[in-house]
């Protein structure tokens, strides 16, 4: 049965089977004898192709006003979600100290990027039509995936670790990256569009109002600077509006990490 699921046709119509093939099957005679790296590679062998096809199908469907709603089996969102609009205050972002700026085309590795201790955000602008993948290696050789996207991209991602940094870019088009130290701000209302890292703030509010107008994944985390830990507040698909409670410890500061494909806002109540 699993093998048949893997080979179902997928030509964009439900009558043919899957809209986009999201199944993979391989047989194992002796699970214990398979190397972990080999097993991991097999498990993810079809994932890059699925990601490309899924995003391509969604863009084409959106153009035809037939966007696939990942939450189509869930109850309709409350009317308040559809009527609320994130405020437009992205221009209030403070400009932090830029410590490095690079541009190029195609695959590249940028080594020995030095920075003082602190929190940094990487602004990535990509003008290609295919995949872009960006990862960072820290001084201790730990690696973090920063971006795995398809098509044009313009957003901010978190870089938090010991320098020197090494950035690896895999792309088929023109890109530009800018490493900026995250500054502190006196405001605590934030909004934007797409991936973002807010300025560092201090706030006494315990309840926050969060809105997202996009159609795909929406993730929000709050990072505490002195305490050094992270709380994930939201991980949803599509439109979202809700209130979340968290407390910034006395004497500490925080910043939000946002993964989104549409407009969003985060405001204290």
C-alpha atoms as a PDB file:
ATOM      1  CA  UNK A   1       0.000   0.000   0.000  1.00  0.00           C
ATOM      2  CA  UNK A   2       2.810   2.438   0.866  1.00  0.00           C
ATOM      3  CA  UNK A   3       4.548   1.767  -2.429  1.00  0.00           C
ATOM      4  CA  UNK A   4       1.295   2.449  -4.308  1.00  0.00           C
ATOM      5  CA  UNK A   5       0.901   5.746  -2.447  1.00  0.00           C
ATOM      6  CA  UNK A   6       4.397   6.745  -3.520  1.00  0.00           C
ATOM      7  CA  UNK A   7       3.612   6.129  -7.189  1.00  0.00           C
ATOM      8  CA  UNK A   8       0.213   7.856  -7.363  1.00  0.00           C
ATOM      9  CA  UNK A   9       0.118  10.278 -10.320  1.00  0.00           C
ATOM     10  CA  UNK A  10       0.272  13.976  -9.483  1.00  0.00           C
ATOM     11  CA  UNK A  11      -0.503  16.325 -12.337  1.00  0.00           C
ATOM     12  CA  UNK A  12      -2.276  19.059 -10.384  1.00  0.00           C
ATOM     13  CA  UNK A  13      -5.744  17.491 -10.420  1.00  0.00           C
ATOM     14  CA  UNK A  14      -7.399  15.578  -7.621  1.00  0.00           C
ATOM     15  CA  UNK A  15      -8.799  13.081 -10.147  1.00  0.00           C
ATOM     16  CA  UNK A  16      -5.273  12.026 -11.012  1.00  0.00           C
ATOM     17  CA  UNK A  17      -4.345  11.466  -7.372  1.00  0.00           C
ATOM     18  CA  UNK A  18      -2.198  13.931  -5.453  1.00  0.00           C
ATOM     19  CA  UNK A  19      -2.061  17.624  -6.262  1.00  0.00           C
ATOM     20  CA  UNK A  20       1.662  17.536  -5.535  1.00  0.00           C
ATOM     21  CA  UNK A  21       3.352  14.237  -4.741  1.00  0.00           C
ATOM     22  CA  UNK A  22       4.184  14.347  -1.045  1.00  0.00           C
ATOM     23  CA  UNK A  23       5.030  10.692  -0.459  1.00  0.00           C
ATOM     24  CA  UNK A  24       8.267   8.740  -0.598  1.00  0.00           C
ATOM     25  CA  UNK A  25       8.798   5.004  -0.143  1.00  0.00           C
ATOM     26  CA  UNK A  26      11.842   2.785   0.069  1.00  0.00           C
ATOM     27  CA  UNK A  27      12.197  -0.748   1.365  1.00  0.00           C
ATOM     28  CA  UNK A  28      14.548  -1.778   4.169  1.00  0.00           C
ATOM     29  CA  UNK A  29      15.371  -5.424   4.776  1.00  0.00           C
ATOM     30  CA  UNK A  30      17.489  -4.810   7.860  1.00  0.00           C
ATOM     31  CA  UNK A  31      16.839  -1.506   9.575  1.00  0.00           C
ATOM     32  CA  UNK A  32      19.572  -1.997  12.177  1.00  0.00           C
ATOM     33  CA  UNK A  33      22.297  -2.329   9.543  1.00  0.00           C
ATOM     34  CA  UNK A  34      21.581   0.963   7.785  1.00  0.00           C
ATOM     35  CA  UNK A  35      23.943   3.828   8.544  1.00  0.00           C
ATOM     36  CA  UNK A  36      22.199   6.826  10.166  1.00  0.00           C
ATOM     37  CA  UNK A  37      23.474   9.271   7.541  1.00  0.00           C
ATOM     38  CA  UNK A  38      22.289   6.989   4.740  1.00  0.00           C
ATOM     39  CA  UNK A  39      18.872   6.594   6.360  1.00  0.00           C
ATOM     40  CA  UNK A  40      18.509  10.356   6.795  1.00  0.00           C
ATOM     41  CA  UNK A  41      19.506  10.929   3.173  1.00  0.00           C
ATOM     42  CA  UNK A  42      16.910   8.437   1.946  1.00  0.00           C
ATOM     43  CA  UNK A  43      14.184   9.907   4.133  1.00  0.00           C
ATOM     44  CA  UNK A  44      14.742  13.392   2.698  1.00  0.00           C
ATOM     45  CA  UNK A  45      15.582  12.426  -0.887  1.00  0.00           C
ATOM     46  CA  UNK A  46      12.334  13.783  -2.327  1.00  0.00           C
ATOM     47  CA  UNK A  47      11.881  16.749  -0.020  1.00  0.00           C
ATOM     48  CA  UNK A  48      13.712  19.413  -2.140  1.00  0.00           C
ATOM     49  CA  UNK A  49      11.718  18.486  -5.244  1.00  0.00           C
ATOM     50  CA  UNK A  50       8.458  18.474  -3.269  1.00  0.00           C
ATOM     51  CA  UNK A  51       9.224  21.913  -1.834  1.00  0.00           C
ATOM     52  CA  UNK A  52       9.872  23.367  -5.291  1.00  0.00           C
ATOM     53  CA  UNK A  53       6.751  21.797  -6.810  1.00  0.00           C
ATOM     54  CA  UNK A  54       4.552  22.815  -3.897  1.00  0.00           C
ATOM     55  CA  UNK A  55       5.586  26.462  -4.011  1.00  0.00           C
ATOM     56  CA  UNK A  56       5.322  26.538  -7.790  1.00  0.00           C
ATOM     57  CA  UNK A  57       1.824  25.012  -7.662  1.00  0.00           C
ATOM     58  CA  UNK A  58       0.731  27.480  -4.976  1.00  0.00           C
ATOM     59  CA  UNK A  59       1.928  30.486  -6.997  1.00  0.00           C
ATOM     60  CA  UNK A  60       0.127  29.235 -10.123  1.00  0.00           C
ATOM     61  CA  UNK A  61      -3.017  28.475  -8.150  1.00  0.00           C
ATOM     62  CA  UNK A  62      -2.931  31.894  -6.520  1.00  0.00           C
ATOM     63  CA  UNK A  63      -2.793  33.517  -9.938  1.00  0.00           C
ATOM     64  CA  UNK A  64      -5.980  31.591 -10.806  1.00  0.00           C
ATOM     65  CA  UNK A  65      -7.527  32.416  -7.416  1.00  0.00           C
ATOM     66  CA  UNK A  66      -7.370  28.702  -6.596  1.00  0.00           C
ATOM     67  CA  UNK A  67      -4.826  28.800  -3.814  1.00  0.00           C
ATOM     68  CA  UNK A  68      -4.527  25.542  -1.880  1.00  0.00           C
ATOM     69  CA  UNK A  69      -5.611  26.257   1.667  1.00  0.00           C
ATOM     70  CA  UNK A  70      -3.666  24.011   4.033  1.00  0.00           C
ATOM     71  CA  UNK A  71      -6.362  24.645   6.653  1.00  0.00           C
ATOM     72  CA  UNK A  72      -9.293  23.755   4.375  1.00  0.00           C
ATOM     73  CA  UNK A  73     -10.429  20.984   6.741  1.00  0.00           C
ATOM     74  CA  UNK A  74     -10.394  23.284   9.745  1.00  0.00           C
ATOM     75  CA  UNK A  75     -13.312  25.479  10.887  1.00  0.00           C
ATOM     76  CA  UNK A  76     -13.459  28.942   9.256  1.00  0.00           C
ATOM     77  CA  UNK A  77     -11.415  31.598  10.980  1.00  0.00           C
ATOM     78  CA  UNK A  78     -13.323  34.099  13.106  1.00  0.00           C
ATOM     79  CA  UNK A  79     -14.559  37.186  11.307  1.00  0.00           C
ATOM     80  CA  UNK A  80     -12.207  39.314  13.391  1.00  0.00           C
ATOM     81  CA  UNK A  81      -9.243  37.743  11.641  1.00  0.00           C
ATOM     82  CA  UNK A  82     -10.509  38.863   8.260  1.00  0.00           C
ATOM     83  CA  UNK A  83     -11.388  42.363   9.396  1.00  0.00           C
ATOM     84  CA  UNK A  84      -8.257  43.167  11.403  1.00  0.00           C
ATOM     85  CA  UNK A  85      -5.351  44.743   9.591  1.00  0.00           C
ATOM     86  CA  UNK A  86      -1.756  44.793  10.812  1.00  0.00           C
ATOM     87  CA  UNK A  87      -0.552  48.322  11.355  1.00  0.00           C
ATOM     88  CA  UNK A  88       2.089  49.599   8.982  1.00  0.00           C
ATOM     89  CA  UNK A  89       5.126  50.580  11.052  1.00  0.00           C
ATOM     90  CA  UNK A  90       7.967  48.664   9.472  1.00  0.00           C
ATOM     91  CA  UNK A  91       9.669  51.957   8.593  1.00  0.00           C
ATOM     92  CA  UNK A  92      10.160  52.562  12.342  1.00  0.00           C
ATOM     93  CA  UNK A  93      12.875  49.909  12.336  1.00  0.00           C
ATOM     94  CA  UNK A  94      16.137  51.293  13.651  1.00  0.00           C
ATOM     95  CA  UNK A  95      19.224  50.786  11.528  1.00  0.00           C
ATOM     96  CA  UNK A  96      21.845  48.817  13.393  1.00  0.00           C
ATOM     97  CA  UNK A  97      25.573  48.801  12.811  1.00  0.00           C
ATOM     98  CA  UNK A  98      26.350  47.057   9.512  1.00  0.00           C
ATOM     99  CA  UNK A  99      29.424  44.865   9.945  1.00  0.00           C
ATOM    100  CA  UNK A 100      29.485  43.138   6.547  1.00  0.00           C
ATOM    101  CA  UNK A 101      27.874  43.426   3.134  1.00  0.00           C
ATOM    102  CA  UNK A 102      28.314  41.111   0.158  1.00  0.00           C
ATOM    103  CA  UNK A 103      26.668  40.491  -3.188  1.00  0.00           C
ATOM    104  CA  UNK A 104      27.060  37.907  -5.901  1.00  0.00           C
ATOM    105  CA  UNK A 105      25.420  35.453  -8.258  1.00  0.00           C
ATOM    106  CA  UNK A 106      25.071  31.699  -7.841  1.00  0.00           C
ATOM    107  CA  UNK A 107      26.756  29.532  -5.223  1.00  0.00           C
ATOM    108  CA  UNK A 108      29.293  31.081  -2.886  1.00  0.00           C
ATOM    109  CA  UNK A 109      30.983  30.703   0.504  1.00  0.00           C
ATOM    110  CA  UNK A 110      31.900  33.789   2.538  1.00  0.00           C
ATOM    111  CA  UNK A 111      34.370  33.060   5.322  1.00  0.00           C
ATOM    112  CA  UNK A 112      35.895  34.862   8.297  1.00  0.00           C
ATOM    113  CA  UNK A 113      33.125  37.374   8.941  1.00  0.00           C
ATOM    114  CA  UNK A 114      34.042  38.861  12.311  1.00  0.00           C
ATOM    115  CA  UNK A 115      31.605  40.588  14.657  1.00  0.00           C
ATOM    116  CA  UNK A 116      31.531  41.747  18.267  1.00  0.00           C
ATOM    117  CA  UNK A 117      29.436  39.877  20.819  1.00  0.00           C
ATOM    118  CA  UNK A 118      25.745  40.547  20.386  1.00  0.00           C
ATOM    119  CA  UNK A 119      22.618  39.686  18.422  1.00  0.00           C
ATOM    120  CA  UNK A 120      22.742  40.029  14.637  1.00  0.00           C
ATOM    121  CA  UNK A 121      20.252  39.840  11.791  1.00  0.00           C
ATOM    122  CA  UNK A 122      21.091  39.016   8.202  1.00  0.00           C
ATOM    123  CA  UNK A 123      19.186  40.899   5.527  1.00  0.00           C
ATOM    124  CA  UNK A 124      18.952  38.721   2.424  1.00  0.00           C
ATOM    125  CA  UNK A 125      17.681  39.958  -0.933  1.00  0.00           C
ATOM    126  CA  UNK A 126      17.429  37.427  -3.760  1.00  0.00           C
ATOM    127  CA  UNK A 127      16.299  38.079  -7.326  1.00  0.00           C
ATOM    128  CA  UNK A 128      16.434  34.582  -8.785  1.00  0.00           C
ATOM    129  CA  UNK A 129      13.575  32.385  -9.983  1.00  0.00           C
ATOM    130  CA  UNK A 130      14.777  29.118  -8.418  1.00  0.00           C
ATOM    131  CA  UNK A 131      15.831  28.007  -4.923  1.00  0.00           C
ATOM    132  CA  UNK A 132      17.955  29.985  -2.526  1.00  0.00           C
ATOM    133  CA  UNK A 133      19.489  28.319   0.521  1.00  0.00           C
ATOM    134  CA  UNK A 134      21.574  30.193   3.070  1.00  0.00           C
ATOM    135  CA  UNK A 135      23.311  28.656   6.068  1.00  0.00           C
ATOM    136  CA  UNK A 136      25.758  29.963   8.674  1.00  0.00           C
ATOM    137  CA  UNK A 137      28.651  28.203  10.391  1.00  0.00           C
ATOM    138  CA  UNK A 138      29.783  29.571  13.743  1.00  0.00           C
ATOM    139  CA  UNK A 139      33.232  29.559  15.337  1.00  0.00           C
ATOM    140  CA  UNK A 140      32.597  26.173  16.965  1.00  0.00           C
ATOM    141  CA  UNK A 141      31.517  24.702  13.569  1.00  0.00           C
ATOM    142  CA  UNK A 142      27.850  24.542  14.560  1.00  0.00           C
ATOM    143  CA  UNK A 143      25.650  25.133  11.538  1.00  0.00           C
ATOM    144  CA  UNK A 144      22.208  26.737  11.242  1.00  0.00           C
ATOM    145  CA  UNK A 145      19.974  26.841   8.184  1.00  0.00           C
ATOM    146  CA  UNK A 146      18.858  30.446   7.775  1.00  0.00           C
ATOM    147  CA  UNK A 147      16.821  30.393   4.557  1.00  0.00           C
ATOM    148  CA  UNK A 148      15.409  27.733   2.268  1.00  0.00           C
ATOM    149  CA  UNK A 149      13.110  29.505  -0.153  1.00  0.00           C
ATOM    150  CA  UNK A 150      11.965  29.420  -3.753  1.00  0.00           C
ATOM    151  CA  UNK A 151      11.887  32.476  -5.991  1.00  0.00           C
ATOM    152  CA  UNK A 152      12.455  36.079  -5.037  1.00  0.00           C
ATOM    153  CA  UNK A 153      13.132  36.737  -1.359  1.00  0.00           C
ATOM    154  CA  UNK A 154      13.588  39.802   0.839  1.00  0.00           C
ATOM    155  CA  UNK A 155      13.755  39.237   4.576  1.00  0.00           C
ATOM    156  CA  UNK A 156      15.727  39.213   7.811  1.00  0.00           C
ATOM    157  CA  UNK A 157      16.948  36.093   9.634  1.00  0.00           C
ATOM    158  CA  UNK A 158      18.635  35.586  12.997  1.00  0.00           C
ATOM    159  CA  UNK A 159      22.383  35.094  13.414  1.00  0.00           C
ATOM    160  CA  UNK A 160      23.169  34.283  17.032  1.00  0.00           C
ATOM    161  CA  UNK A 161      26.448  32.596  17.848  1.00  0.00           C
ATOM    162  CA  UNK A 162      30.174  33.135  18.174  1.00  0.00           C
ATOM    163  CA  UNK A 163      32.058  34.697  15.284  1.00  0.00           C
ATOM    164  CA  UNK A 164      33.845  34.429  12.935  1.00  0.00           C
ATOM    165  CA  UNK A 165      30.883  33.427  10.771  1.00  0.00           C
ATOM    166  CA  UNK A 166      30.957  31.546   7.499  1.00  0.00           C
ATOM    167  CA  UNK A 167      27.966  32.002   5.212  1.00  0.00           C
ATOM    168  CA  UNK A 168      27.159  29.477   2.497  1.00  0.00           C
ATOM    169  CA  UNK A 169      24.804  30.592  -0.288  1.00  0.00           C
ATOM    170  CA  UNK A 170      23.272  28.226  -2.829  1.00  0.00           C
ATOM    171  CA  UNK A 171      21.315  29.990  -5.543  1.00  0.00           C
ATOM    172  CA  UNK A 172      20.834  30.419  -9.266  1.00  0.00           C
ATOM    173  CA  UNK A 173      20.367  34.194  -9.319  1.00  0.00           C
ATOM    174  CA  UNK A 174      21.673  37.476  -7.973  1.00  0.00           C
ATOM    175  CA  UNK A 175      21.743  37.941  -4.197  1.00  0.00           C
ATOM    176  CA  UNK A 176      22.842  40.444  -1.599  1.00  0.00           C
ATOM    177  CA  UNK A 177      23.395  39.918   2.136  1.00  0.00           C
ATOM    178  CA  UNK A 178      23.987  42.467   4.866  1.00  0.00           C
ATOM    179  CA  UNK A 179      24.910  41.567   8.447  1.00  0.00           C
ATOM    180  CA  UNK A 180      23.575  44.091  10.944  1.00  0.00           C
ATOM    181  CA  UNK A 181      23.795  44.256  14.725  1.00  0.00           C
ATOM    182  CA  UNK A 182      20.291  44.366  16.184  1.00  0.00           C
ATOM    183  CA  UNK A 183      19.819  47.734  17.928  1.00  0.00           C
ATOM    184  CA  UNK A 184      17.715  48.571  20.977  1.00  0.00           C
ATOM    185  CA  UNK A 185      14.497  50.543  20.596  1.00  0.00           C
ATOM    186  CA  UNK A 186      12.123  52.363  22.914  1.00  0.00           C
ATOM    187  CA  UNK A 187       9.026  51.134  21.050  1.00  0.00           C
ATOM    188  CA  UNK A 188       7.364  47.757  21.495  1.00  0.00           C
ATOM    189  CA  UNK A 189       4.873  47.744  18.604  1.00  0.00           C
ATOM    190  CA  UNK A 190       6.134  45.925  15.542  1.00  0.00           C
ATOM    191  CA  UNK A 191       4.802  45.100  12.099  1.00  0.00           C
ATOM    192  CA  UNK A 192       6.150  44.057   8.744  1.00  0.00           C
ATOM    193  CA  UNK A 193       5.854  41.669   5.854  1.00  0.00           C
ATOM    194  CA  UNK A 194       7.720  38.392   5.522  1.00  0.00           C
ATOM    195  CA  UNK A 195      10.595  37.109   7.654  1.00  0.00           C
ATOM    196  CA  UNK A 196      11.916  39.560  10.201  1.00  0.00           C
ATOM    197  CA  UNK A 197      13.934  40.103  13.374  1.00  0.00           C
ATOM    198  CA  UNK A 198      12.631  43.009  15.421  1.00  0.00           C
ATOM    199  CA  UNK A 199      14.725  45.485  17.336  1.00  0.00           C
ATOM    200  CA  UNK A 200      15.551  44.654  20.967  1.00  0.00           C
ATOM    201  CA  UNK A 201      13.011  46.085  23.394  1.00  0.00           C
ATOM    202  CA  UNK A 202      11.993  46.181  27.050  1.00  0.00           C
ATOM    203  CA  UNK A 203       8.313  46.000  27.949  1.00  0.00           C
ATOM    204  CA  UNK A 204       6.143  45.430  30.987  1.00  0.00           C
ATOM    205  CA  UNK A 205       3.132  44.154  29.042  1.00  0.00           C
ATOM    206  CA  UNK A 206       2.126  40.563  29.709  1.00  0.00           C
ATOM    207  CA  UNK A 207      -0.372  40.108  26.856  1.00  0.00           C
ATOM    208  CA  UNK A 208       0.351  40.608  23.151  1.00  0.00           C
ATOM    209  CA  UNK A 209      -1.960  40.882  20.162  1.00  0.00           C
ATOM    210  CA  UNK A 210      -0.587  39.072  17.096  1.00  0.00           C
ATOM    211  CA  UNK A 211      -1.985  39.191  13.523  1.00  0.00           C
ATOM    212  CA  UNK A 212      -0.911  37.501  10.291  1.00  0.00           C
ATOM    213  CA  UNK A 213      -2.488  38.013   6.855  1.00  0.00           C
ATOM    214  CA  UNK A 214      -0.435  35.492   4.874  1.00  0.00           C
ATOM    215  CA  UNK A 215      -1.516  32.168   3.396  1.00  0.00           C
ATOM    216  CA  UNK A 216       1.369  29.903   4.465  1.00  0.00           C
ATOM    217  CA  UNK A 217       3.386  29.245   7.619  1.00  0.00           C
ATOM    218  CA  UNK A 218       3.458  31.806  10.420  1.00  0.00           C
ATOM    219  CA  UNK A 219       5.892  31.335  13.308  1.00  0.00           C
ATOM    220  CA  UNK A 220       6.717  33.782  16.086  1.00  0.00           C
ATOM    221  CA  UNK A 221       9.349  33.325  18.771  1.00  0.00           C
ATOM    222  CA  UNK A 222      10.479  35.679  21.519  1.00  0.00           C
ATOM    223  CA  UNK A 223      14.160  35.558  22.453  1.00  0.00           C
ATOM    224  CA  UNK A 224      15.308  36.840  25.858  1.00  0.00           C
ATOM    225  CA  UNK A 225      18.705  38.546  25.667  1.00  0.00           C
ATOM    226  CA  UNK A 226      20.156  38.118  29.171  1.00  0.00           C
ATOM    227  CA  UNK A 227      18.373  34.883  30.017  1.00  0.00           C
ATOM    228  CA  UNK A 228      19.460  33.445  26.680  1.00  0.00           C
ATOM    229  CA  UNK A 229      16.404  31.267  26.065  1.00  0.00           C
ATOM    230  CA  UNK A 230      13.481  31.287  23.649  1.00  0.00           C
ATOM    231  CA  UNK A 231       9.695  30.899  23.869  1.00  0.00           C
ATOM    232  CA  UNK A 232       7.747  29.926  20.752  1.00  0.00           C
ATOM    233  CA  UNK A 233       4.482  31.862  20.767  1.00  0.00           C
ATOM    234  CA  UNK A 234       2.783  30.963  17.469  1.00  0.00           C
ATOM    235  CA  UNK A 235       3.185  28.220  14.872  1.00  0.00           C
ATOM    236  CA  UNK A 236       0.212  28.276  12.505  1.00  0.00           C
ATOM    237  CA  UNK A 237      -0.717  27.998   8.836  1.00  0.00           C
ATOM    238  CA  UNK A 238      -2.431  30.858   7.033  1.00  0.00           C
ATOM    239  CA  UNK A 239      -4.294  33.779   8.545  1.00  0.00           C
ATOM    240  CA  UNK A 240      -4.055  34.218  12.280  1.00  0.00           C
ATOM    241  CA  UNK A 241      -5.213  36.561  15.014  1.00  0.00           C
ATOM    242  CA  UNK A 242      -4.797  35.869  18.691  1.00  0.00           C
ATOM    243  CA  UNK A 243      -3.504  37.004  22.049  1.00  0.00           C
ATOM    244  CA  UNK A 244      -0.471  35.465  23.731  1.00  0.00           C
ATOM    245  CA  UNK A 245       0.895  35.917  27.235  1.00  0.00           C
ATOM    246  CA  UNK A 246       4.549  36.077  28.164  1.00  0.00           C
ATOM    247  CA  UNK A 247       6.587  38.074  30.651  1.00  0.00           C
ATOM    248  CA  UNK A 248       9.978  39.668  30.128  1.00  0.00           C
ATOM    249  CA  UNK A 249      11.927  39.180  33.386  1.00  0.00           C
ATOM    250  CA  UNK A 250      12.828  42.313  35.306  1.00  0.00           C
ATOM    251  CA  UNK A 251      16.020  43.848  33.939  1.00  0.00           C
ATOM    252  CA  UNK A 252      15.970  41.753  30.762  1.00  0.00           C
ATOM    253  CA  UNK A 253      15.219  42.664  27.147  1.00  0.00           C
ATOM    254  CA  UNK A 254      13.825  40.673  24.236  1.00  0.00           C
ATOM    255  CA  UNK A 255      13.225  40.604  20.492  1.00  0.00           C
ATOM    256  CA  UNK A 256      10.850  38.756  18.170  1.00  0.00           C
ATOM    257  CA  UNK A 257      11.782  36.345  15.404  1.00  0.00           C
ATOM    258  CA  UNK A 258       9.058  36.151  12.742  1.00  0.00           C
ATOM    259  CA  UNK A 259       8.652  33.679   9.876  1.00  0.00           C
ATOM    260  CA  UNK A 260       5.811  34.777   7.601  1.00  0.00           C
ATOM    261  CA  UNK A 261       4.728  35.092   3.985  1.00  0.00           C
ATOM    262  CA  UNK A 262       2.379  38.052   4.461  1.00  0.00           C
ATOM    263  CA  UNK A 263       1.830  41.148   6.564  1.00  0.00           C
ATOM    264  CA  UNK A 264       1.915  40.749  10.338  1.00  0.00           C
ATOM    265  CA  UNK A 265       1.867  42.830  13.501  1.00  0.00           C
ATOM    266  CA  UNK A 266       2.730  42.287  17.176  1.00  0.00           C
ATOM    267  CA  UNK A 267       1.467  44.815  19.714  1.00  0.00           C
ATOM    268  CA  UNK A 268       1.170  44.899  23.518  1.00  0.00           C
ATOM    269  CA  UNK A 269      -2.243  45.171  25.140  1.00  0.00           C
END
